[in-house]
Amino acid sequence: MADRSLLRRVILRSTPLGTVFALGKSRVLTCEEGRHLYSSTGCEKKLEPENEKTTISKKGNWYALPPFTPSVDGAALGKTIAHRQTEKKHKASDTTSTSTMTALKWVTRCCPELPRSLVQKLFRLRQVRRDSYNVEVQQRQLKRVAAKDLMNSGDRIVLPVSIQKVPSAKTDSTFSEEEMKFLHSMVLFKDPAVIVVNKPPGMPVQGGIGIKRSLDELAAKYLRFDDSESPRLVHRLDRDCSGILVMGRTQLSATTLHSIFREKTLEASEYVVVDNGKSDRITVVDDVQSSLAQYAVTEYEVIGSSCYGYSWLELSPLTGRKHQLRVHCAEVLGTPIVGDYKYGWQAHRNLKNPGPSALTWDHNEGLPEEGLDPFSLNLGNGSILDKQPRLHLHCREMVLPNISLALQRAKSITDLDLEDVKTIKFDAPLPSHMQKSWDALGS
């Protein structure tokens, strides 16, 4: 949408990228190939119990939960990893904590089948007890515990025996081989800590009003791979955006990843400002002192142009704000991303169609199987050859620390040395509509 002279290489931030790890490259057509980073929300700071199935044992008139065992503090570990350039060694005590796990969190963690409203009611009615060791009397005692009371190592929470009559929360028991095959075809990488998928365009990441099937719901159903826990989101992609999405396979790994993403956003320079993301449409503001503003920083480079007014860009978001790349392309560069009708609807009225082009489309690696579309995403449509192109924004590359190895080190080493915790690079092939546009432009 802009000629090559207007889209010469411009750096919005003069300092170089951090050397610890890159936070994702995306490819778009204005078109872009850039780095994608989005902070997640609702990721609480929780401690993991031992990786074993939780059981509730009967004890008189009570059901006793497993004893609380302090473990790695994922938020602290993530912060350590993010800042390891300047602090090479950290004590293991910096990444463990006994002060963040409340009684309420521990009950919901051990008993996910119990409705949260019921658990909260039990605390309000003072029907929850803590079995702990009293140093003064040198014996264990059973006392009432409040929801916000902090857990100590070895404490057991006991609940009324009547909870055995409470039916488990209803789950969707329907199972589709076609859906499972589709979700499994999206997986790019998995280890005990993380799972990385190549999200197709049109699939929402989180549920909400009017959304029947979301990726977080589907991952809980089809991407557990016999684990006791469901994968958890740590960052987001827009519904129409495609590409790399990282999920934590445990609460601990998800908290650690979320902390890393958050720390890298905080480190970014204060340069370009957007509003706070609460509104439906984000805008650039001129008053950097505005209390409603948040800093958003993007590096980008032109990697190709065409005579039809399209250019391919590589974008590197150093912060993770809502619609950051779309706003920067449309409102800062004046070159909206193809298919972005929220921020670039006027520019789309003047788009030129490249016309007939000899396309050779056989690039299926890393994409769901041809013809397999159980969620009616219409994956083959939406290139620049179509009347209404879909969003050409793709998270192509991301580099993250080896979280699985870092967690092993944090649990087993007194002096936590993360220097040899290598990074892992993930690459996601373009979705079919963007690959067709790439081929049509002779890129």
Protein backbone atom coordinates (compact mmCIF):
# COMPACT_ATOMS: atom_id res chain seq x y z
CA MET A 1 0.00 0.00 0.00
CA ALA A 2 3.01 2.22 -0.04
CA ASP A 3 5.77 2.40 -2.58
CA ARG A 4 9.30 1.36 -1.79
CA SER A 5 10.56 4.89 -1.29
CA LEU A 6 8.05 5.55 1.45
CA LEU A 7 8.72 2.25 3.16
CA ARG A 8 12.47 2.45 3.38
CA ARG A 9 13.97 0.86 6.47
CA VAL A 10 13.03 2.88 9.50
CA ILE A 11 13.90 1.99 13.05
CA LEU A 12 11.50 3.27 15.68
CA ARG A 13 13.95 2.42 18.41
CA SER A 14 17.66 3.05 18.13
CA THR A 15 18.84 0.53 20.72
CA PRO A 16 19.44 -3.02 19.47
CA LEU A 17 17.27 -5.99 20.28
CA GLY A 18 18.06 -7.76 23.53
CA THR A 19 20.46 -10.63 23.14
CA VAL A 20 18.69 -12.95 25.53
CA PHE A 21 15.99 -13.95 23.09
CA ALA A 22 13.81 -12.57 20.33
CA LEU A 23 10.10 -12.30 20.95
CA GLY A 24 8.66 -13.45 17.68
CA LYS A 25 8.68 -12.51 13.99
CA SER A 26 5.51 -11.93 12.00
CA ARG A 27 4.91 -11.67 8.30
CA VAL A 28 2.33 -9.26 6.91
CA LEU A 29 1.38 -7.82 3.59
CA THR A 30 1.21 -4.04 3.49
CA CYS A 31 2.67 -6.75 3.85
CA GLU A 32 4.59 -7.74 6.97
CA GLU A 33 6.99 -10.20 8.44
CA GLY A 34 7.69 -9.20 12.01
CA ARG A 35 8.06 -10.18 15.59
CA HIS A 36 5.00 -10.91 17.65
CA LEU A 37 4.65 -10.45 21.38
CA TYR A 38 1.46 -10.15 23.34
CA SER A 39 1.14 -10.11 27.11
CA SER A 40 -1.45 -12.41 28.57
CA THR A 41 -4.06 -11.57 31.15
CA GLY A 42 -5.51 -13.45 34.06
CA CYS A 43 -2.34 -15.46 34.64
CA GLU A 44 -2.06 -15.66 38.40
CA LYS A 45 1.10 -16.19 40.38
CA LYS A 46 0.73 -19.76 41.60
CA LEU A 47 3.01 -22.43 42.94
CA GLU A 48 3.01 -25.94 41.58
CA PRO A 49 2.54 -28.99 43.76
CA GLU A 50 4.46 -32.10 42.91
CA ASN A 51 3.61 -33.50 39.48
CA GLU A 52 1.34 -36.25 40.65
CA LYS A 53 -2.39 -36.75 40.48
CA THR A 54 -4.24 -35.03 43.28
CA THR A 55 -6.24 -37.31 45.54
CA ILE A 56 -8.55 -36.43 48.40
CA SER A 57 -8.32 -38.89 51.28
CA LYS A 58 -11.08 -39.36 53.82
CA LYS A 59 -10.14 -38.40 57.37
CA GLY A 60 -13.00 -38.71 59.86
CA ASN A 61 -15.58 -36.11 58.93
CA TRP A 62 -13.14 -34.37 56.61
CA TYR A 63 -11.52 -34.84 53.27
CA ALA A 64 -7.84 -33.94 53.43
CA LEU A 65 -6.01 -32.44 50.47
CA PRO A 66 -2.35 -33.20 49.76
CA PRO A 67 0.15 -31.31 51.96
CA PHE A 68 1.33 -28.00 50.56
CA THR A 69 4.89 -28.12 49.28
CA PRO A 70 6.59 -24.85 48.28
CA SER A 71 7.95 -24.99 44.78
CA VAL A 72 9.49 -22.70 42.21
CA ASP A 73 8.00 -19.23 41.97
CA GLY A 74 7.34 -19.00 38.24
CA ALA A 75 7.02 -15.21 38.21
CA ALA A 76 10.38 -14.78 39.95
CA LEU A 77 12.04 -17.34 37.67
CA GLY A 78 10.67 -15.61 34.57
CA LYS A 79 12.02 -12.29 35.78
CA THR A 80 15.40 -13.89 36.44
CA ILE A 81 15.53 -15.35 32.94
CA ALA A 82 14.51 -12.06 31.35
CA HIS A 83 17.26 -10.17 33.17
CA ARG A 84 20.01 -12.76 33.06
CA GLN A 85 22.14 -10.52 30.84
CA THR A 86 23.09 -8.37 33.81
CA GLU A 87 22.75 -10.88 36.63
CA LYS A 88 24.49 -14.11 35.69
CA LYS A 89 23.84 -16.12 38.83
CA HIS A 90 20.92 -16.09 41.21
CA LYS A 91 20.31 -17.97 44.39
CA ALA A 92 17.63 -20.62 44.22
CA SER A 93 15.87 -18.84 47.06
CA ASP A 94 15.16 -16.00 44.63
CA THR A 95 12.89 -18.29 42.63
CA THR A 96 11.06 -20.07 45.47
CA SER A 97 8.38 -18.70 47.67
CA THR A 98 6.03 -19.78 50.45
CA SER A 99 4.18 -16.48 50.69
CA THR A 100 2.03 -16.38 47.55
CA MET A 101 -0.15 -19.47 47.94
CA THR A 102 -3.39 -18.75 49.76
CA ALA A 103 -5.72 -21.38 51.15
CA LEU A 104 -8.30 -20.55 48.48
CA LYS A 105 -5.76 -20.94 45.67
CA TRP A 106 -4.59 -24.26 47.06
CA VAL A 107 -8.12 -25.69 47.27
CA THR A 108 -8.99 -24.61 43.72
CA ARG A 109 -5.64 -25.94 42.53
CA CYS A 110 -6.15 -29.35 44.14
CA CYS A 111 -9.87 -29.63 43.41
CA PRO A 112 -10.55 -28.17 39.97
CA GLU A 113 -13.73 -30.25 39.73
CA LEU A 114 -15.38 -28.29 42.57
CA PRO A 115 -17.33 -25.19 41.52
CA ARG A 116 -15.43 -22.10 42.60
CA SER A 117 -18.61 -20.59 44.03
CA LEU A 118 -18.95 -23.60 46.34
CA VAL A 119 -15.34 -23.32 47.52
CA GLN A 120 -15.80 -19.64 48.29
CA LYS A 121 -19.03 -20.41 50.16
CA LEU A 122 -17.24 -23.01 52.31
CA PHE A 123 -14.69 -20.38 53.31
CA ARG A 124 -17.40 -17.79 54.04
CA LEU A 125 -19.23 -20.28 56.28
CA ARG A 126 -15.93 -21.06 58.01
CA GLN A 127 -16.17 -24.75 57.14
CA VAL A 128 -12.59 -25.11 55.91
CA ARG A 129 -9.84 -26.25 58.28
CA ARG A 130 -6.07 -26.34 58.18
CA ASP A 131 -4.13 -29.27 59.60
CA SER A 132 -0.77 -27.77 60.56
CA TYR A 133 2.03 -28.21 63.06
CA ASN A 134 1.90 -25.89 66.07
CA VAL A 135 5.41 -25.21 67.28
CA GLU A 136 4.27 -23.92 70.70
CA VAL A 137 2.40 -27.09 71.70
CA GLN A 138 4.63 -29.37 69.62
CA GLN A 139 1.76 -31.12 67.86
CA ARG A 140 -0.48 -30.90 64.83
CA GLN A 141 -3.75 -28.99 65.16
CA LEU A 142 -6.87 -28.58 63.11
CA LYS A 143 -8.01 -24.93 62.97
CA ARG A 144 -10.28 -22.78 60.83
CA VAL A 145 -8.55 -21.10 57.92
CA ALA A 146 -9.61 -18.05 55.91
CA ALA A 147 -9.48 -17.91 52.11
CA LYS A 148 -6.64 -15.35 52.14
CA ASP A 149 -4.51 -17.08 54.77
CA LEU A 150 -1.10 -18.10 53.44
CA MET A 151 -0.01 -21.71 53.30
CA ASN A 152 3.07 -23.02 55.07
CA SER A 153 5.11 -26.01 54.03
CA GLY A 154 3.43 -29.24 55.14
CA ASP A 155 0.01 -27.69 55.79
CA ARG A 156 -3.02 -29.74 54.80
CA ILE A 157 -6.40 -28.22 53.96
CA VAL A 158 -9.39 -30.35 54.97
CA LEU A 159 -12.91 -29.91 53.64
CA PRO A 160 -16.28 -31.17 54.88
CA VAL A 161 -16.96 -34.77 53.94
CA SER A 162 -20.20 -33.61 52.33
CA ILE A 163 -18.31 -32.44 49.23
CA GLN A 164 -18.36 -36.06 48.02
CA LYS A 165 -22.02 -35.50 47.15
CA VAL A 166 -21.22 -32.51 44.95
CA PRO A 167 -21.37 -33.49 41.26
CA SER A 168 -18.29 -32.63 39.24
CA ALA A 169 -18.48 -29.67 36.91
CA LYS A 170 -20.03 -30.73 33.61
CA THR A 171 -17.60 -31.13 30.74
CA ASP A 172 -18.15 -31.50 27.04
CA SER A 173 -17.97 -35.25 26.53
CA THR A 174 -18.27 -35.14 22.75
CA PHE A 175 -15.12 -36.14 20.96
CA SER A 176 -14.32 -35.69 17.29
CA GLU A 177 -11.50 -37.52 15.55
CA GLU A 178 -11.51 -34.85 12.83
CA GLU A 179 -11.16 -32.02 15.35
CA MET A 180 -8.38 -33.83 17.18
CA LYS A 181 -6.52 -34.49 13.93
CA PHE A 182 -6.84 -30.82 12.99
CA LEU A 183 -5.56 -29.59 16.38
CA HIS A 184 -2.66 -32.06 16.36
CA SER A 185 -1.68 -30.92 12.86
CA MET A 186 -1.21 -27.40 14.28
CA VAL A 187 1.44 -28.47 16.80
CA LEU A 188 4.95 -27.25 15.96
CA PHE A 189 6.70 -28.22 19.20
CA LYS A 190 6.01 -29.66 22.62
CA ASP A 191 8.01 -30.67 25.67
CA PRO A 192 7.01 -31.15 29.33
CA ALA A 193 6.73 -27.36 29.86
CA VAL A 194 5.37 -25.79 26.67
CA ILE A 195 3.37 -26.52 23.56
CA VAL A 196 3.70 -24.35 20.45
CA VAL A 197 1.05 -24.29 17.74
CA ASN A 198 0.64 -22.61 14.36
CA LYS A 199 -2.75 -20.95 14.87
CA PRO A 200 -4.86 -20.74 11.72
CA PRO A 201 -6.55 -17.46 10.80
CA GLY A 202 -10.14 -17.13 11.91
CA MET A 203 -9.79 -19.20 15.07
CA PRO A 204 -10.35 -17.14 18.25
CA VAL A 205 -7.79 -17.65 21.00
CA GLN A 206 -10.12 -17.05 23.94
CA GLY A 207 -13.82 -17.53 24.49
CA GLY A 208 -16.27 -14.68 24.85
CA ILE A 209 -19.65 -13.38 23.76
CA GLY A 210 -20.62 -14.94 20.44
CA ILE A 211 -17.61 -17.31 20.41
CA LYS A 212 -18.57 -20.97 20.47
CA ARG A 213 -15.19 -22.64 20.00
CA SER A 214 -11.91 -21.04 21.08
CA LEU A 215 -8.35 -22.32 20.98
CA ASP A 216 -7.94 -22.40 24.77
CA GLU A 217 -11.07 -24.55 25.06
CA LEU A 218 -9.99 -26.84 22.22
CA ALA A 219 -6.47 -27.16 23.62
CA ALA A 220 -7.88 -28.29 26.97
CA LYS A 221 -9.77 -30.99 25.14
CA TYR A 222 -7.37 -32.16 22.44
CA LEU A 223 -3.85 -30.99 23.34
CA ARG A 224 -3.38 -32.38 26.85
CA PHE A 225 -1.64 -35.54 25.56
CA ASP A 226 -2.62 -37.49 28.70
CA ASP A 227 -1.34 -34.76 31.05
CA SER A 228 -3.39 -34.01 34.16
CA GLU A 229 -3.33 -30.27 33.41
CA SER A 230 -4.68 -28.42 30.39
CA PRO A 231 -2.46 -26.07 28.34
CA ARG A 232 -2.70 -22.44 29.45
CA LEU A 233 -2.44 -19.28 27.35
CA VAL A 234 0.50 -16.97 28.07
CA HIS A 235 0.02 -14.50 25.20
CA ARG A 236 -2.56 -13.83 22.52
CA LEU A 237 -3.03 -13.41 18.79
CA ASP A 238 -5.94 -11.60 17.18
CA ARG A 239 -8.64 -13.86 15.84
CA ASP A 240 -7.76 -13.15 12.21
CA CYS A 241 -4.00 -13.28 12.84
CA SER A 242 -2.17 -16.54 12.28
CA GLY A 243 1.09 -18.08 13.39
CA ILE A 244 3.02 -19.04 16.50
CA LEU A 245 1.12 -19.27 19.76
CA VAL A 246 2.88 -20.54 22.89
CA MET A 247 1.01 -22.23 25.73
CA GLY A 248 2.27 -23.45 29.09
CA ARG A 249 1.56 -27.11 29.79
CA THR A 250 1.56 -26.55 33.57
CA GLN A 251 0.56 -23.66 35.79
CA LEU A 252 4.22 -23.18 36.72
CA SER A 253 5.51 -23.01 33.15
CA ALA A 254 2.64 -20.70 32.15
CA THR A 255 3.43 -18.31 35.02
CA THR A 256 7.12 -18.33 34.10
CA LEU A 257 6.43 -17.59 30.44
CA HIS A 258 3.96 -14.86 31.29
CA SER A 259 6.55 -13.23 33.53
CA ILE A 260 9.11 -13.30 30.70
CA PHE A 261 6.73 -11.65 28.25
CA ARG A 262 5.78 -9.02 30.80
CA GLU A 263 9.39 -8.19 31.70
CA LYS A 264 10.42 -7.79 28.05
CA THR A 265 7.53 -5.37 27.50
CA LEU A 266 8.56 -3.32 30.54
CA GLU A 267 12.15 -3.13 29.28
CA ALA A 268 11.18 -1.56 25.96
CA SER A 269 12.07 2.10 25.44
CA GLU A 270 9.47 4.82 25.83
CA TYR A 271 9.09 6.09 22.30
CA VAL A 272 5.73 5.70 20.52
CA VAL A 273 2.53 5.89 22.51
CA VAL A 274 -0.88 4.25 22.03
CA ASP A 275 -3.97 4.30 24.20
CA ASN A 276 -4.39 1.77 26.97
CA GLY A 277 -6.11 -0.96 25.00
CA LYS A 278 -9.44 -0.79 26.81
CA SER A 279 -11.29 0.64 23.83
CA ASP A 280 -12.32 -1.39 20.81
CA ARG A 281 -10.22 0.70 18.45
CA ILE A 282 -6.70 1.71 19.48
CA THR A 283 -5.27 5.07 18.43
CA VAL A 284 -1.94 6.85 18.56
CA VAL A 285 -1.85 9.76 21.02
CA ASP A 286 0.33 12.86 20.90
CA ASP A 287 0.36 13.59 24.63
CA VAL A 288 2.95 11.19 26.05
CA GLN A 289 2.01 12.32 29.56
CA SER A 290 -1.55 11.07 29.16
CA SER A 291 -2.57 8.74 31.96
CA LEU A 292 -4.47 6.62 29.43
CA ALA A 293 -1.40 6.00 27.26
CA GLN A 294 0.96 3.05 27.09
CA TYR A 295 4.25 2.94 25.23
CA ALA A 296 4.42 0.70 22.18
CA VAL A 297 7.66 0.09 20.29
CA THR A 298 8.02 -1.68 16.95
CA GLU A 299 11.06 -2.25 14.74
CA TYR A 300 10.40 -2.97 11.09
CA GLU A 301 12.11 -3.50 7.77
CA VAL A 302 10.86 -3.66 4.18
CA ILE A 303 11.73 -7.03 2.64
CA GLY A 304 9.96 -6.68 -0.70
CA SER A 305 7.71 -4.44 -2.83
CA SER A 306 5.62 -4.82 -5.98
CA CYS A 307 4.34 -2.61 -8.77
CA TYR A 308 0.81 -3.07 -7.48
CA GLY A 309 1.42 -0.97 -4.37
CA TYR A 310 2.02 -3.84 -1.94
CA SER A 311 5.06 -4.27 0.28
CA TRP A 312 6.15 -7.07 2.56
CA LEU A 313 7.35 -5.95 5.98
CA GLU A 314 9.18 -7.65 8.80
CA LEU A 315 7.86 -6.29 12.09
CA SER A 316 9.45 -6.74 15.50
CA PRO A 317 7.20 -5.61 18.37
CA LEU A 318 9.37 -4.91 21.39
CA THR A 319 6.27 -4.35 23.50
CA GLY A 320 3.04 -6.32 23.56
CA ARG A 321 0.12 -3.93 23.24
CA LYS A 322 -3.31 -4.64 21.82
CA HIS A 323 -3.35 -4.25 18.01
CA GLN A 324 0.15 -2.73 18.21
CA LEU A 325 1.36 -3.83 14.78
CA ARG A 326 -1.89 -2.97 13.06
CA VAL A 327 -1.98 0.52 14.59
CA HIS A 328 1.67 1.27 13.83
CA CYS A 329 1.30 0.20 10.20
CA ALA A 330 -1.96 2.07 9.61
CA GLU A 331 -1.57 5.20 11.71
CA VAL A 332 2.19 5.69 12.07
CA LEU A 333 3.47 4.46 8.70
CA GLY A 334 0.26 5.16 6.80
CA THR A 335 0.39 1.69 5.23
CA PRO A 336 -2.38 -0.52 6.67
CA ILE A 337 -1.95 -4.28 6.68
CA VAL A 338 -3.86 -5.99 3.89
CA GLY A 339 -7.13 -7.32 5.23
CA ASP A 340 -7.17 -4.97 8.23
CA TYR A 341 -10.55 -3.32 7.75
CA LYS A 342 -10.64 -1.92 11.28
CA TYR A 343 -7.66 0.40 10.80
CA GLY A 344 -7.31 0.47 7.00
CA TRP A 345 -10.75 0.36 5.42
CA GLN A 346 -10.21 3.55 3.40
CA ALA A 347 -6.97 2.28 1.84
CA HIS A 348 -8.66 -0.95 0.77
CA ARG A 349 -11.04 0.95 -1.52
CA ASN A 350 -8.09 1.89 -3.74
CA LEU A 351 -6.35 -1.50 -3.83
CA LYS A 352 -5.21 -2.82 -7.21
CA ASN A 353 -5.79 -6.45 -8.02
CA PRO A 354 -2.61 -8.10 -9.39
CA GLY A 355 -4.67 -9.98 -11.99
CA PRO A 356 -4.19 -13.59 -13.11
CA SER A 357 -1.03 -15.17 -11.84
CA ALA A 358 0.51 -18.60 -12.29
CA LEU A 359 0.52 -19.93 -8.77
CA THR A 360 2.24 -23.08 -7.67
CA TRP A 361 0.64 -23.89 -4.35
CA ASP A 362 2.02 -27.01 -2.71
CA HIS A 363 3.40 -25.50 0.49
CA ASN A 364 1.55 -27.54 3.09
CA GLU A 365 4.28 -28.09 5.68
CA GLY A 366 3.18 -27.03 9.14
CA LEU A 367 -0.39 -26.28 8.03
CA PRO A 368 -3.53 -28.32 8.73
CA GLU A 369 -4.09 -31.01 6.14
CA GLU A 370 -5.66 -29.94 2.85
CA GLY A 371 -9.41 -30.21 3.02
CA LEU A 372 -9.45 -30.76 6.80
CA ASP A 373 -11.51 -27.86 8.13
CA PRO A 374 -13.84 -29.04 10.93
CA PHE A 375 -14.30 -25.48 12.21
CA SER A 376 -15.28 -23.95 8.84
CA LEU A 377 -12.34 -21.52 8.79
CA ASN A 378 -12.19 -21.38 4.96
CA LEU A 379 -8.41 -21.57 5.06
CA GLY A 380 -7.91 -21.46 1.30
CA ASN A 381 -9.64 -18.11 0.78
CA GLY A 382 -8.56 -14.52 1.34
CA SER A 383 -5.45 -13.86 -0.78
CA ILE A 384 -4.95 -10.55 -2.63
CA LEU A 385 -6.48 -12.25 -5.68
CA ASP A 386 -9.82 -12.47 -3.88
CA LYS A 387 -12.31 -9.63 -3.74
CA GLN A 388 -12.03 -9.34 0.03
CA PRO A 389 -8.59 -10.34 1.30
CA ARG A 390 -8.37 -11.58 4.86
CA LEU A 391 -5.84 -10.20 7.35
CA HIS A 392 -2.25 -10.72 6.16
CA LEU A 393 -0.60 -10.81 9.57
CA HIS A 394 1.36 -13.88 10.57
CA CYS A 395 3.56 -14.59 13.57
CA ARG A 396 6.33 -16.36 11.67
CA GLU A 397 9.20 -16.66 14.13
CA MET A 398 9.72 -16.68 17.87
CA VAL A 399 12.75 -17.46 20.02
CA LEU A 400 12.28 -18.32 23.69
CA PRO A 401 14.42 -19.76 26.49
CA ASN A 402 14.26 -23.49 27.11
CA ILE A 403 11.70 -23.20 29.92
CA SER A 404 11.66 -26.92 30.61
CA LEU A 405 15.40 -26.95 31.32
CA ALA A 406 15.21 -23.72 33.34
CA LEU A 407 12.53 -25.23 35.59
CA GLN A 408 14.62 -28.34 36.13
CA ARG A 409 17.57 -26.19 37.15
CA ALA A 410 15.47 -24.06 39.46
CA LYS A 411 14.27 -27.15 41.34
CA SER A 412 17.59 -28.93 41.67
CA ILE A 413 20.44 -26.43 41.98
CA THR A 414 21.42 -24.29 44.97
CA ASP A 415 23.20 -21.69 42.84
CA LEU A 416 20.84 -21.14 39.94
CA ASP A 417 23.06 -20.77 36.88
CA LEU A 418 21.01 -20.13 33.75
CA GLU A 419 23.91 -19.33 31.46
CA ASP A 420 23.71 -22.65 29.62
CA VAL A 421 19.92 -22.60 29.28
CA LYS A 422 19.78 -22.29 25.52
CA THR A 423 17.03 -20.74 23.45
CA ILE A 424 14.67 -22.56 21.11
CA LYS A 425 13.64 -21.06 17.78
CA PHE A 426 10.17 -21.69 16.40
CA ASP A 427 9.12 -21.13 12.78
CA ALA A 428 5.58 -21.26 11.41
CA PRO A 429 4.93 -21.52 7.64
CA LEU A 430 2.60 -18.96 6.09
CA PRO A 431 -1.13 -19.74 5.97
CA SER A 432 -2.43 -20.60 2.51
CA HIS A 433 -3.95 -17.18 1.72
CA MET A 434 -0.68 -15.38 2.50
CA GLN A 435 1.40 -17.92 0.60
CA LYS A 436 -0.82 -17.41 -2.44
CA SER A 437 -0.36 -13.64 -2.15
CA TRP A 438 3.41 -14.15 -1.84
CA ASP A 439 3.43 -16.28 -4.98
CA ALA A 440 1.16 -13.88 -6.88
CA LEU A 441 3.53 -10.99 -6.23
CA GLY A 442 6.52 -13.02 -7.32
CA SER A 443 8.16 -12.52 -3.90
